[in-house]
Protein backbone atom coordinates (compact mmCIF):
# COMPACT_ATOMS: atom_id res chain seq x y z
CA UNK A 1 57.38 -51.89 -31.52
CA UNK A 2 57.44 -49.31 -28.71
CA UNK A 3 53.68 -49.32 -28.22
CA UNK A 4 53.73 -53.14 -28.05
CA UNK A 5 56.45 -53.11 -25.39
CA UNK A 6 54.53 -50.48 -23.43
CA UNK A 7 51.41 -52.64 -23.44
CA UNK A 8 53.35 -55.77 -22.46
CA UNK A 9 55.29 -53.99 -19.71
CA UNK A 10 52.11 -52.45 -18.30
CA UNK A 11 50.36 -55.81 -18.25
CA UNK A 12 53.31 -57.51 -16.52
CA UNK A 13 53.83 -54.79 -13.91
CA UNK A 14 50.16 -54.85 -12.92
CA UNK A 15 50.78 -58.35 -11.54
CA UNK A 16 53.01 -56.87 -8.78
CA UNK A 17 50.66 -55.50 -6.12
CA UNK A 18 53.46 -53.34 -4.73
CA UNK A 19 53.28 -51.25 -7.90
CA UNK A 20 49.52 -50.68 -7.91
CA UNK A 21 48.31 -47.74 -5.85
CA UNK A 22 44.66 -46.71 -5.96
CA UNK A 23 44.20 -48.91 -8.99
CA UNK A 24 47.03 -47.30 -10.98
CA UNK A 25 50.63 -48.26 -11.64
CA UNK A 26 53.10 -46.08 -9.72
CA UNK A 27 55.90 -44.94 -12.01
CA UNK A 28 58.20 -43.83 -9.16
CA UNK A 29 57.88 -47.17 -7.37
CA UNK A 30 58.60 -49.00 -10.62
CA UNK A 31 61.85 -47.10 -11.08
CA UNK A 32 62.78 -47.62 -7.42
CA UNK A 33 62.47 -51.41 -7.62
CA UNK A 34 64.40 -51.47 -10.90
CA UNK A 35 67.30 -49.42 -9.57
CA UNK A 36 67.42 -51.54 -6.41
CA UNK A 37 67.57 -54.68 -8.58
CA UNK A 38 64.66 -56.13 -6.63
CA UNK A 39 64.72 -59.93 -7.05
CA UNK A 40 60.98 -60.47 -7.49
CA UNK A 41 60.72 -57.46 -9.79
CA UNK A 42 63.46 -58.79 -12.10
CA UNK A 43 61.92 -62.26 -12.00
CA UNK A 44 58.64 -60.70 -13.14
CA UNK A 45 60.31 -58.95 -16.08
CA UNK A 46 62.05 -62.15 -17.11
CA UNK A 47 58.71 -63.94 -17.25
CA UNK A 48 58.03 -62.10 -20.50
CA UNK A 49 60.18 -63.11 -23.52
CA UNK A 50 59.65 -59.68 -25.07
CA UNK A 51 60.76 -57.80 -21.95
CA UNK A 52 63.67 -60.19 -21.48
CA UNK A 53 64.87 -59.42 -25.00
CA UNK A 54 64.30 -55.69 -24.62
CA UNK A 55 65.86 -54.97 -21.21
CA UNK A 56 68.39 -57.77 -20.67
CA UNK A 57 71.68 -58.55 -22.39
CA UNK A 58 73.41 -61.91 -22.64
CA UNK A 59 77.04 -61.50 -21.58
CA UNK A 60 78.90 -64.80 -21.94
CA UNK A 61 75.88 -66.76 -20.78
CA UNK A 62 74.89 -64.35 -18.01
CA UNK A 63 71.80 -62.15 -18.24
CA UNK A 64 72.55 -58.51 -17.36
CA UNK A 65 69.68 -56.12 -16.63
CA UNK A 66 70.13 -52.73 -18.34
CA UNK A 67 68.60 -50.62 -15.59
CA UNK A 68 69.65 -47.36 -17.26
CA UNK A 69 67.75 -48.23 -20.43
CA UNK A 70 64.79 -49.42 -18.35
CA UNK A 71 64.69 -46.20 -16.35
CA UNK A 72 64.89 -44.12 -19.52
CA UNK A 73 62.04 -46.14 -21.02
CA UNK A 74 59.81 -45.84 -17.95
CA UNK A 75 60.45 -42.11 -17.64
CA UNK A 76 59.43 -41.58 -21.25
CA UNK A 77 56.31 -39.44 -21.37
CA UNK A 78 54.53 -42.17 -23.38
CA UNK A 79 54.68 -44.66 -20.52
CA UNK A 80 52.00 -44.30 -17.84
CA UNK A 81 51.15 -40.67 -18.62
CA UNK A 82 48.84 -39.26 -15.95
CA UNK A 83 46.05 -36.88 -16.87
CA UNK A 84 48.18 -33.89 -15.96
CA UNK A 85 51.11 -34.98 -18.14
CA UNK A 86 48.78 -35.76 -21.02
CA UNK A 87 47.19 -32.34 -20.65
CA UNK A 88 50.55 -30.52 -20.66
CA UNK A 89 51.56 -32.55 -23.69
CA UNK A 90 48.36 -31.65 -25.52
CA UNK A 91 48.91 -27.91 -25.07
CA UNK A 92 52.62 -28.08 -25.85
CA UNK A 93 54.03 -26.81 -22.56
CA UNK A 94 57.44 -28.32 -23.17
CA UNK A 95 60.93 -27.07 -23.91
CA UNK A 96 63.38 -29.15 -25.93
CA UNK A 97 61.07 -32.15 -25.39
CA UNK A 98 61.41 -31.85 -21.62
CA UNK A 99 58.76 -30.70 -19.24
CA UNK A 100 59.59 -27.85 -16.93
CA UNK A 101 59.97 -30.18 -13.94
CA UNK A 102 62.73 -32.14 -15.70
CA UNK A 103 65.37 -29.36 -15.59
CA UNK A 104 67.97 -29.35 -12.84
CA UNK A 105 69.63 -25.99 -12.40
CA UNK A 106 67.70 -23.54 -10.23
CA UNK A 107 65.16 -24.65 -7.62
CA UNK A 108 62.55 -22.17 -6.51
CA UNK A 109 60.12 -22.72 -3.69
CA UNK A 110 56.69 -21.12 -4.00
CA UNK A 111 53.66 -21.31 -1.69
CA UNK A 112 51.85 -23.97 -3.68
CA UNK A 113 51.43 -27.69 -3.43
CA UNK A 114 53.62 -30.07 -5.31
CA UNK A 115 56.00 -31.02 -2.54
CA UNK A 116 54.38 -30.77 0.86
CA UNK A 117 55.98 -28.74 3.63
CA UNK A 118 54.62 -28.83 7.14
CA UNK A 119 56.56 -26.14 8.90
CA UNK A 120 56.04 -23.23 11.24
CA UNK A 121 52.60 -24.27 12.35
CA UNK A 122 50.83 -22.99 15.40
CA UNK A 123 49.15 -25.60 17.58
CA UNK A 124 45.84 -24.69 15.98
CA UNK A 125 47.30 -25.21 12.49
CA UNK A 126 49.11 -28.51 12.96
CA UNK A 127 46.53 -30.43 10.94
CA UNK A 128 46.85 -27.91 8.09
CA UNK A 129 49.67 -28.41 5.63
CA UNK A 130 51.83 -25.49 4.59
CA UNK A 131 52.33 -26.19 0.91
CA UNK A 132 55.20 -25.35 -1.37
CA UNK A 133 55.65 -25.57 -5.10
CA UNK A 134 59.23 -26.45 -5.95
CA UNK A 135 60.17 -25.68 -9.51
CA UNK A 136 63.36 -26.53 -11.34
CA UNK A 137 64.49 -24.08 -14.01
CA UNK A 138 67.19 -24.43 -16.65
CA UNK A 139 69.68 -21.54 -17.15
CA UNK A 140 67.98 -20.28 -20.29
CA UNK A 141 64.77 -19.87 -18.28
CA UNK A 142 66.40 -17.84 -15.51
CA UNK A 143 67.09 -14.59 -17.40
CA UNK A 144 66.34 -11.75 -14.93
CA UNK A 145 65.05 -14.07 -12.19
CA UNK A 146 68.06 -13.47 -9.94
CA UNK A 147 68.30 -9.72 -10.50
CA UNK A 148 67.88 -7.48 -7.39
CA UNK A 149 64.22 -6.92 -6.54
CA UNK A 150 62.20 -3.93 -5.41
CA UNK A 151 61.47 -3.93 -1.67
CA UNK A 152 58.33 -2.36 -0.21
CA UNK A 153 56.16 -1.92 2.91
CA UNK A 154 59.11 -0.64 4.95
CA UNK A 155 58.28 -0.36 8.66
CA UNK A 156 60.70 0.36 11.50
CA UNK A 157 60.07 -0.99 14.99
CA UNK A 158 61.84 0.44 18.03
CA UNK A 159 61.12 1.24 21.69
CA UNK A 160 58.87 4.11 20.55
CA UNK A 161 56.69 1.77 18.52
CA UNK A 162 56.12 1.53 14.77
CA UNK A 163 57.25 4.08 12.18
CA UNK A 164 56.92 4.38 8.40
CA UNK A 165 58.86 7.65 8.13
CA UNK A 166 62.58 7.17 8.77
CA UNK A 167 65.97 6.98 7.10
CA UNK A 168 67.46 3.61 6.19
CA UNK A 169 71.01 2.63 7.10
CA UNK A 170 73.15 -0.36 6.14
CA UNK A 171 73.59 -0.88 9.88
CA UNK A 172 69.87 -1.46 10.43
CA UNK A 173 68.57 -4.89 11.34
CA UNK A 174 66.31 -6.28 8.60
CA UNK A 175 63.47 -8.80 8.53
CA UNK A 176 62.60 -9.46 4.89
CA UNK A 177 59.61 -11.38 3.59
CA UNK A 178 60.03 -13.16 0.27
CA UNK A 179 61.52 -16.12 -1.56
CA UNK A 180 64.88 -16.63 0.12
CA UNK A 181 66.87 -17.32 -3.06
CA UNK A 182 65.70 -14.06 -4.59
CA UNK A 183 66.25 -12.12 -1.36
CA UNK A 184 69.80 -13.49 -1.10
CA UNK A 185 70.51 -12.38 -4.65
CA UNK A 186 69.09 -8.95 -3.78
CA UNK A 187 71.38 -8.72 -0.76
CA UNK A 188 74.51 -9.42 -2.83
CA UNK A 189 75.12 -5.92 -4.26
CA UNK A 190 74.84 -4.44 -0.76
CA UNK A 191 76.31 -7.06 1.59
CA UNK A 192 78.76 -9.05 -0.53
CA UNK A 193 81.65 -10.05 1.74
CA UNK A 194 80.07 -8.34 4.77
CA UNK A 195 78.30 -11.09 6.71
CA UNK A 196 80.16 -12.43 9.76
CA UNK A 197 77.95 -15.41 10.54
CA UNK A 198 75.30 -17.43 8.73
CA UNK A 199 73.14 -19.93 10.59
CA UNK A 200 70.40 -21.86 8.80
CA UNK A 201 68.02 -24.60 9.86
CA UNK A 202 66.76 -25.65 6.40
CA UNK A 203 64.14 -28.28 5.51
CA UNK A 204 65.61 -31.68 6.36
CA UNK A 205 63.80 -33.43 3.48
CA UNK A 206 62.34 -36.11 5.75
CA UNK A 207 58.82 -37.23 6.53
CA UNK A 208 59.54 -37.12 10.27
CA UNK A 209 60.75 -33.52 10.38
CA UNK A 210 58.63 -30.41 10.82
CA UNK A 211 59.45 -29.88 7.13
CA UNK A 212 57.50 -32.66 5.42
CA UNK A 213 58.19 -33.25 1.72
CA UNK A 214 56.74 -35.90 -0.47
CA UNK A 215 58.87 -37.98 -2.81
CA UNK A 216 58.73 -35.41 -5.60
CA UNK A 217 61.17 -33.29 -3.63
CA UNK A 218 63.84 -35.89 -4.32
CA UNK A 219 67.43 -35.83 -3.17
CA UNK A 220 68.87 -34.23 -6.29
CA UNK A 221 66.24 -31.50 -6.18
CA UNK A 222 66.85 -30.91 -2.47
CA UNK A 223 70.61 -30.68 -3.01
CA UNK A 224 70.10 -28.25 -5.90
CA UNK A 225 67.76 -26.23 -3.68
CA UNK A 226 70.53 -26.05 -1.05
CA UNK A 227 73.34 -25.47 -3.57
CA UNK A 228 71.68 -22.44 -5.17
CA UNK A 229 71.40 -20.73 -1.81
CA UNK A 230 74.73 -21.83 -0.32
CA UNK A 231 76.66 -20.53 -3.32
CA UNK A 232 75.15 -17.09 -2.78
CA UNK A 233 75.71 -17.40 0.97
CA UNK A 234 79.40 -18.00 0.28
CA UNK A 235 79.57 -14.70 -1.62
CA UNK A 236 77.88 -12.88 1.25
CA UNK A 237 80.28 -14.19 3.93
CA UNK A 238 83.23 -12.02 4.92
CA UNK A 239 86.74 -13.49 4.79
CA UNK A 240 86.52 -13.90 8.57
CA UNK A 241 83.01 -15.33 8.38
CA UNK A 242 81.55 -18.69 9.40
CA UNK A 243 78.50 -20.68 8.35
CA UNK A 244 76.60 -23.23 10.45
CA UNK A 245 74.08 -25.55 8.73
CA UNK A 246 71.71 -27.56 10.91
CA UNK A 247 70.78 -30.95 9.42
CA UNK A 248 70.02 -34.57 10.32
CA UNK A 249 71.05 -38.00 9.02
CA UNK A 250 68.71 -38.05 6.02
CA UNK A 251 70.70 -35.61 3.89
CA UNK A 252 73.67 -34.74 6.09
CA UNK A 253 76.27 -36.87 4.31
CA UNK A 254 75.27 -35.64 0.88
CA UNK A 255 75.22 -32.06 2.13
CA UNK A 256 78.72 -32.43 3.62
CA UNK A 257 80.18 -33.43 0.24
CA UNK A 258 78.49 -30.48 -1.46
CA UNK A 259 79.62 -28.01 1.19
CA UNK A 260 83.19 -29.28 0.80
CA UNK A 261 82.95 -28.24 -2.84
CA UNK A 262 81.41 -24.82 -2.18
CA UNK A 263 83.36 -23.73 0.90
CA UNK A 264 86.47 -25.86 0.42
CA UNK A 265 87.22 -29.06 2.27
CA UNK A 266 90.11 -27.27 4.00
CA UNK A 267 87.60 -24.81 5.49
CA UNK A 268 85.55 -27.50 7.23
CA UNK A 269 85.79 -26.90 10.98
CA UNK A 270 83.38 -29.14 12.89
CA UNK A 271 80.60 -31.66 12.70
CA UNK A 272 78.81 -30.55 15.86
CA UNK A 273 76.59 -33.15 17.48
CA UNK A 274 73.55 -31.65 19.16
CA UNK A 275 72.59 -34.32 21.68
CA UNK A 276 69.12 -34.00 23.17
CA UNK A 277 67.37 -36.18 25.72
CA UNK A 278 64.23 -38.25 25.34
CA UNK A 279 62.70 -41.65 25.99
CA UNK A 280 64.78 -44.39 24.38
CA UNK A 281 62.71 -47.03 22.62
CA UNK A 282 63.82 -50.56 21.86
CA UNK A 283 64.24 -50.71 18.10
CA UNK A 284 64.27 -53.83 15.96
CA UNK A 285 67.23 -53.02 13.73
CA UNK A 286 69.28 -50.29 15.38
CA UNK A 287 69.71 -47.71 18.11
CA UNK A 288 67.41 -44.84 18.96
CA UNK A 289 68.53 -41.64 17.24
CA UNK A 290 69.04 -38.83 19.70
CA UNK A 291 70.95 -36.09 17.89
CA UNK A 292 71.08 -33.64 15.02
CA UNK A 293 74.20 -32.44 13.21
CA UNK A 294 75.45 -28.89 12.66
CA UNK A 295 78.13 -28.47 10.00
CA UNK A 296 80.53 -25.58 10.59
CA UNK A 297 82.68 -24.06 7.83
CA UNK A 298 84.91 -21.02 7.80
CA UNK A 299 85.31 -18.75 4.77
CA UNK A 300 89.09 -18.75 5.19
CA UNK A 301 91.91 -19.48 7.62
CA UNK A 302 91.41 -16.02 9.12
CA UNK A 303 87.86 -16.69 10.33
CA UNK A 304 86.75 -15.18 13.63
CA UNK A 305 86.33 -17.66 16.48
CA UNK A 306 86.12 -17.38 20.25
CA UNK A 307 85.92 -20.52 22.39
CA UNK A 308 82.63 -20.78 24.21
CA UNK A 309 82.69 -21.51 27.95
CA UNK A 310 79.85 -23.42 29.55
CA UNK A 311 79.21 -22.35 33.14
CA UNK A 312 77.91 -24.59 35.87
CA UNK A 313 75.28 -23.81 38.45
CA UNK A 314 77.04 -25.63 41.28
CA UNK A 315 80.07 -27.66 42.26
CA UNK A 316 77.90 -30.74 42.74
CA UNK A 317 76.43 -30.47 39.25
CA UNK A 318 79.86 -30.20 37.64
CA UNK A 319 81.40 -33.10 39.57
CA UNK A 320 78.38 -35.32 38.90
CA UNK A 321 78.41 -34.68 35.17
CA UNK A 322 82.18 -35.04 34.78
CA UNK A 323 82.20 -38.28 36.89
CA UNK A 324 85.54 -37.42 38.45
CA UNK A 325 86.66 -37.63 42.04
CA UNK A 326 86.73 -34.28 43.90
CA UNK A 327 90.22 -33.63 45.31
CA UNK A 328 91.82 -30.94 47.50
CA UNK A 329 95.33 -29.51 47.08
CA UNK A 330 97.70 -28.32 49.80
CA UNK A 331 96.15 -24.86 49.73
CA UNK A 332 92.68 -26.22 50.32
CA UNK A 333 91.53 -25.61 46.73
CA UNK A 334 89.11 -28.17 45.35
CA UNK A 335 89.78 -29.64 41.93
CA UNK A 336 89.19 -32.61 39.62
CA UNK A 337 91.65 -34.23 37.22
CA UNK A 338 90.95 -33.83 33.53
CA UNK A 339 92.50 -35.49 30.48
CA UNK A 340 95.11 -33.09 29.02
CA UNK A 341 96.15 -35.37 26.16
CA UNK A 342 99.32 -37.40 25.69
CA UNK A 343 98.51 -39.47 28.76
CA UNK A 344 98.76 -36.41 30.98
CA UNK A 345 96.25 -35.14 33.52
CA UNK A 346 95.52 -31.52 34.41
CA UNK A 347 93.91 -29.96 37.46
CA UNK A 348 90.56 -28.24 36.91
CA UNK A 349 89.97 -26.00 39.93
CA UNK A 350 86.33 -25.81 40.95
CA UNK A 351 86.45 -22.07 41.64
CA UNK A 352 87.69 -21.44 38.09
CA UNK A 353 85.03 -23.72 36.62
CA UNK A 354 82.24 -21.93 38.46
CA UNK A 355 83.59 -18.49 37.56
CA UNK A 356 84.74 -18.96 33.95
CA UNK A 357 83.14 -22.21 32.87
CA UNK A 358 84.59 -25.05 30.80
CA UNK A 359 85.50 -24.87 27.11
CA UNK A 360 82.76 -26.52 25.04
CA UNK A 361 83.70 -29.31 22.61
CA UNK A 362 81.80 -30.49 19.53
CA UNK A 363 79.18 -32.54 21.41
CA UNK A 364 76.48 -30.25 22.78
CA UNK A 365 74.11 -31.63 25.40
CA UNK A 366 71.09 -29.33 25.08
CA UNK A 367 67.49 -30.44 25.35
CA UNK A 368 64.99 -29.51 22.67
CA UNK A 369 62.52 -26.74 23.38
CA UNK A 370 59.42 -27.98 25.16
CA UNK A 371 56.24 -26.48 23.72
CA UNK A 372 55.08 -25.73 27.26
CA UNK A 373 58.21 -23.68 28.01
CA UNK A 374 57.79 -19.92 28.43
CA UNK A 375 60.26 -19.40 25.59
CA UNK A 376 58.00 -21.25 23.13
CA UNK A 377 56.04 -19.26 20.53
CA UNK A 378 54.05 -22.32 19.38
CA UNK A 379 56.31 -22.99 16.40
CA UNK A 380 56.99 -26.68 15.82
CA UNK A 381 60.65 -26.41 14.75
CA UNK A 382 61.64 -23.60 17.12
CA UNK A 383 65.19 -23.83 18.48
CA UNK A 384 66.23 -22.81 21.98
CA UNK A 385 67.88 -19.43 22.37
CA UNK A 386 70.80 -20.99 24.26
CA UNK A 387 71.71 -22.99 21.15
CA UNK A 388 72.00 -19.85 19.02
CA UNK A 389 73.73 -17.98 21.84
CA UNK A 390 76.54 -20.52 21.74
CA UNK A 391 76.94 -20.20 17.96
CA UNK A 392 76.72 -16.41 17.81
CA UNK A 393 79.14 -15.75 20.68
CA UNK A 394 81.66 -18.16 19.17
CA UNK A 395 81.58 -16.91 15.59
CA UNK A 396 80.37 -13.29 15.46
CA UNK A 397 81.98 -10.33 17.26
CA UNK A 398 79.81 -7.71 18.96
CA UNK A 399 78.43 -5.38 16.32
CA UNK A 400 78.96 -8.04 13.65
CA UNK A 401 76.32 -9.15 11.13
CA UNK A 402 74.31 -12.40 11.38
CA UNK A 403 72.22 -13.83 8.52
CA UNK A 404 69.50 -16.49 8.73
CA UNK A 405 67.63 -17.08 5.48
CA UNK A 406 65.43 -19.83 6.91
CA UNK A 407 64.30 -17.60 9.77
CA UNK A 408 61.20 -19.49 10.90
CA UNK A 409 60.13 -18.32 14.36
CA UNK A 410 63.00 -15.83 14.55
CA UNK A 411 65.26 -17.38 17.20
CA UNK A 412 68.46 -16.36 15.40
CA UNK A 413 67.32 -12.73 15.12
CA UNK A 414 66.06 -12.63 18.73
CA UNK A 415 69.36 -13.90 20.13
CA UNK A 416 71.47 -11.68 17.86
CA UNK A 417 69.42 -8.69 19.04
CA UNK A 418 69.99 -9.52 22.73
CA UNK A 419 73.71 -10.07 22.13
CA UNK A 420 74.26 -6.73 20.36
CA UNK A 421 74.81 -8.21 16.91
CA UNK A 422 73.24 -6.88 13.73
CA UNK A 423 71.07 -9.30 11.77
CA UNK A 424 69.17 -10.01 8.57
CA UNK A 425 66.38 -12.59 8.67
CA UNK A 426 64.54 -13.93 5.61
CA UNK A 427 61.25 -15.84 5.60
CA UNK A 428 58.58 -16.19 2.90
CA UNK A 429 55.70 -17.70 4.84
CA UNK A 430 52.91 -15.55 6.24
CA UNK A 431 53.72 -16.50 9.82
CA UNK A 432 56.54 -13.97 9.60
CA UNK A 433 53.85 -11.40 10.46
CA UNK A 434 52.01 -13.43 13.09
CA UNK A 435 54.92 -15.09 14.91
CA UNK A 436 58.34 -13.73 13.91
CA UNK A 437 57.76 -9.98 13.91
CA UNK A 438 55.67 -9.98 17.13
CA UNK A 439 58.42 -12.01 18.82
CA UNK A 440 61.04 -9.42 17.90
CA UNK A 441 58.77 -6.61 19.06
CA UNK A 442 58.66 -8.40 22.43
CA UNK A 443 62.46 -8.52 22.42
CA UNK A 444 62.59 -4.75 21.95
CA UNK A 445 60.12 -4.37 24.80
CA UNK A 446 62.47 -6.36 27.07
CA UNK A 447 61.14 -9.93 27.10
CA UNK A 448 62.37 -12.12 29.96
CA UNK A 449 62.48 -15.42 28.10
CA UNK A 450 65.32 -17.52 26.68
CA UNK A 451 68.74 -16.03 27.43
CA UNK A 452 67.35 -12.71 28.71
CA UNK A 453 68.15 -13.32 32.37
CA UNK A 454 71.65 -14.61 31.65
CA UNK A 455 72.61 -11.58 29.53
CA UNK A 456 70.61 -9.11 31.65
CA UNK A 457 68.48 -8.11 28.69
CA UNK A 458 66.59 -4.84 29.32
CA UNK A 459 65.09 -4.23 25.90
CA UNK A 460 65.76 -1.58 23.28
CA UNK A 461 67.15 -1.56 19.76
CA UNK A 462 65.22 -1.66 16.48
CA UNK A 463 64.64 -3.56 13.27
CA UNK A 464 63.20 -2.78 9.84
CA UNK A 465 60.60 -4.98 8.16
CA UNK A 466 60.18 -5.02 4.38
CA UNK A 467 59.12 -7.42 1.65
CA UNK A 468 59.61 -8.18 -2.02
CA UNK A 469 57.05 -6.53 -4.33
CA UNK A 470 54.79 -9.22 -5.80
CA UNK A 471 54.20 -9.43 -9.52
CA UNK A 472 53.43 -12.91 -10.82
CA UNK A 473 53.80 -14.05 -7.20
CA UNK A 474 50.44 -12.44 -6.49
CA UNK A 475 48.91 -14.93 -8.94
CA UNK A 476 50.58 -17.87 -7.20
CA UNK A 477 48.93 -16.69 -3.98
CA UNK A 478 45.53 -16.55 -5.71
CA UNK A 479 46.11 -20.00 -7.22
CA UNK A 480 46.90 -21.40 -3.77
CA UNK A 481 43.65 -19.99 -2.38
CA UNK A 482 41.47 -21.21 -5.26
CA UNK A 483 38.59 -23.35 -4.00
CA UNK A 484 37.21 -24.78 -7.24
CA UNK A 485 37.56 -24.96 -11.03
CA UNK A 486 35.60 -21.73 -11.51
CA UNK A 487 38.21 -19.90 -9.43
CA UNK A 488 40.96 -21.40 -11.59
CA UNK A 489 39.22 -20.39 -14.80
CA UNK A 490 38.77 -16.83 -13.54
CA UNK A 491 42.45 -16.58 -12.60
CA UNK A 492 43.46 -17.94 -15.99
CA UNK A 493 41.37 -15.32 -17.80
CA UNK A 494 43.03 -12.56 -15.75
CA UNK A 495 46.44 -14.09 -16.30
CA UNK A 496 45.95 -14.03 -20.07
CA UNK A 497 45.73 -10.22 -19.96
CA UNK A 498 48.54 -9.75 -17.46
CA UNK A 499 51.63 -10.22 -19.65
CA UNK A 500 52.91 -12.58 -16.93
CA UNK A 501 52.52 -15.79 -18.91
CA UNK A 502 55.48 -18.06 -19.55
CA UNK A 503 56.80 -17.42 -23.06
CA UNK A 504 55.90 -20.99 -24.09
CA UNK A 505 52.19 -20.46 -23.45
CA UNK A 506 50.20 -19.19 -26.41
CA UNK A 507 47.55 -16.72 -25.09
CA UNK A 508 45.34 -17.57 -28.07
CA UNK A 509 44.95 -21.11 -26.70
CA UNK A 510 43.66 -20.04 -23.26
CA UNK A 511 39.98 -20.43 -24.23
CA UNK A 512 40.54 -23.99 -25.43
CA UNK A 513 42.57 -24.73 -22.30
CA UNK A 514 39.72 -23.48 -20.12
CA UNK A 515 37.35 -25.85 -21.90
CA UNK A 516 39.62 -28.80 -21.05
CA UNK A 517 40.29 -27.94 -17.39
CA UNK A 518 37.41 -30.08 -16.11
CA UNK A 519 39.40 -33.18 -17.09
CA UNK A 520 41.94 -32.37 -14.37
CA UNK A 521 41.67 -32.45 -10.61
CA UNK A 522 41.80 -29.15 -8.74
CA UNK A 523 45.37 -29.86 -7.64
CA UNK A 524 46.41 -30.56 -11.24
CA UNK A 525 44.72 -27.36 -12.37
CA UNK A 526 46.71 -25.42 -9.79
CA UNK A 527 49.95 -27.04 -10.87
CA UNK A 528 49.19 -26.15 -14.47
CA UNK A 529 48.61 -22.48 -13.70
CA UNK A 530 51.81 -22.29 -11.67
CA UNK A 531 53.61 -23.67 -14.74
CA UNK A 532 52.03 -20.92 -16.83
CA UNK A 533 53.62 -18.15 -14.73
CA UNK A 534 56.74 -16.38 -16.00
CA UNK A 535 59.16 -17.06 -13.14
CA UNK A 536 61.33 -14.14 -14.22
CA UNK A 537 58.47 -11.86 -13.23
CA UNK A 538 57.50 -13.33 -9.87
CA UNK A 539 58.65 -10.10 -8.19
CA UNK A 540 59.39 -6.61 -9.55
CA UNK A 541 63.00 -6.18 -10.64
CA UNK A 542 64.86 -3.15 -9.31
CA UNK A 543 65.62 -2.10 -12.88
CA UNK A 544 61.85 -1.75 -13.45
CA UNK A 545 61.17 0.43 -10.41
CA UNK A 546 60.33 3.44 -12.59
CA UNK A 547 57.89 1.46 -14.74
CA UNK A 548 54.55 3.19 -14.13
CA UNK A 549 52.61 -0.04 -14.54
CA UNK A 550 54.04 -1.23 -11.20
CA UNK A 551 52.77 1.84 -9.36
CA UNK A 552 55.78 2.09 -7.04
CA UNK A 553 55.36 5.04 -4.65
CA UNK A 554 57.96 7.78 -4.22
CA UNK A 555 58.48 6.73 -0.60
CA UNK A 556 59.21 3.15 -1.67
CA UNK A 557 61.60 4.41 -4.34
CA UNK A 558 63.40 6.47 -1.67
CA UNK A 559 63.79 3.45 0.60
CA UNK A 560 65.13 1.33 -2.26
CA UNK A 561 67.62 4.03 -3.17
CA UNK A 562 68.80 4.07 0.45
CA UNK A 563 68.89 0.27 0.73
CA UNK A 564 70.81 -0.35 -2.49
CA UNK A 565 72.89 2.81 -2.15
CA UNK A 566 71.80 4.07 -5.55
């Protein structure tokens, strides 16, 4: 019966040109139309007596479409299996009859293509896609995945230059390269309850953002991706700490609900509107969007906060922007009247405004960074230093600790450095060494960009760079760089001898798998090999630091002992 229904459903769906892409039926589009109760889609299903009987119920003379049953049927691996799914099925890479991508508990993000991420590109690289593999793991697959990891390649940068021989301190600034979820978990035993401020500018999950994901990075996966990291961030925050999360309209409302659960609805402080200028276009169905949102949550009622005062360059600028009449009191002091609430008006003296500034509210009028500006480091999603200055001054005392685990170009770290705050920045992409670290070296050398003039920045200070020690992650890098099927086959042969295979993969079947690889595209071959990797061994666990097979040097062991306080 099932095979007959599959054949009938396939034949009927092929009549809807919206569902046929490159000559093949699109499973995701089919589910989308079903869940949206698309009129023409339902009419098409009803044209078949067999489908009508199978997916519709008669309730007192009314036909009711069982979209849950339909979705379950369409998502069955027997319906529209692509070559990749068929291949995984043939070699038995399943767990409890579910493929690895069908779990929903821990989302990792590896440098490999399944969901596409265009982020952190230089101008020369803007046509090249940074690619990420996003994998969803069930709890039983996590095991030691979230255990603290071994850190290596420690280098300290200060005004004297670069040093590899020094003593680590918890008060050092750190720039850490590696998967941010695993770095956060590695920070927990050292910094739990110690972070004063967290600012993140995560992927927005939108095709128009500098972070470009395809539809496989769906909303539930994105929210799980965020949840995993925010739960650990909560543990890292001090009782007086604050977190700011930069987001836009695509996922903002869903994120707000989730953050209410993690941080407590009573700890929500502000929905800050970052209003930037631009050319307004006439739109057919709405208004031009001209803002992003920054959610602000405290860890508790005792959170640290200092009102931020915005200063004005001149009396004329202030009066023009406030649109109030300039008045003069009996002593000759100029002022404007401002709304004090309750129908009352208060005098705002111009001399006080120019000297102290005006308290900032939750609507921030700050233009985006122009790529031609001196402050720009040719990073497409770079934020202006003045934006981070406002956040850091308001929510982190001098000497306090700032964390940004989506560091990108390094704006958060650069501003924290200039404002005498300690910081930890985390980034897994290679541009950390070509953009982020060089930028911070320039800060130490006394750069004159961003907020430098305002805060009279003269240079100085230091930071320590380190990175997670690759294990299976080294294979994911090789897989990403593979140019052809021969490269894939060579990697697979090496992987068979590495003891880094997922426990569900039988090494004895590798030869037969190699013989079948030609049936897959290169991208499918890469996806398959990523699936083969044991995610618990992507990086070396701290508990395995003495394992001779990892060849960890005595110097690296010393640094890890100092970092973790062993």
